[in-house]
């Protein structure tokens, strides 16, 4: 499956009960999504890098 992934990107898994303190000047917006919610957004037309769904499936399954 990894041979289908053409681009390198950083994907982070954060497990915490509060919003991380991140540099808000570096981001326009952010979303905290479960894999299921991510796939629902993609199915609804949300644009994403083509390798992101592949990586999520690789690490979390279908």
Foldseek 3Di string as FASTA:
>chain_A
DCVPADDDDDDDDDDDDDDDDDDPVVDPDDDDDDLVRVVVVVVVPDDDDPCVNVVCCVVPND
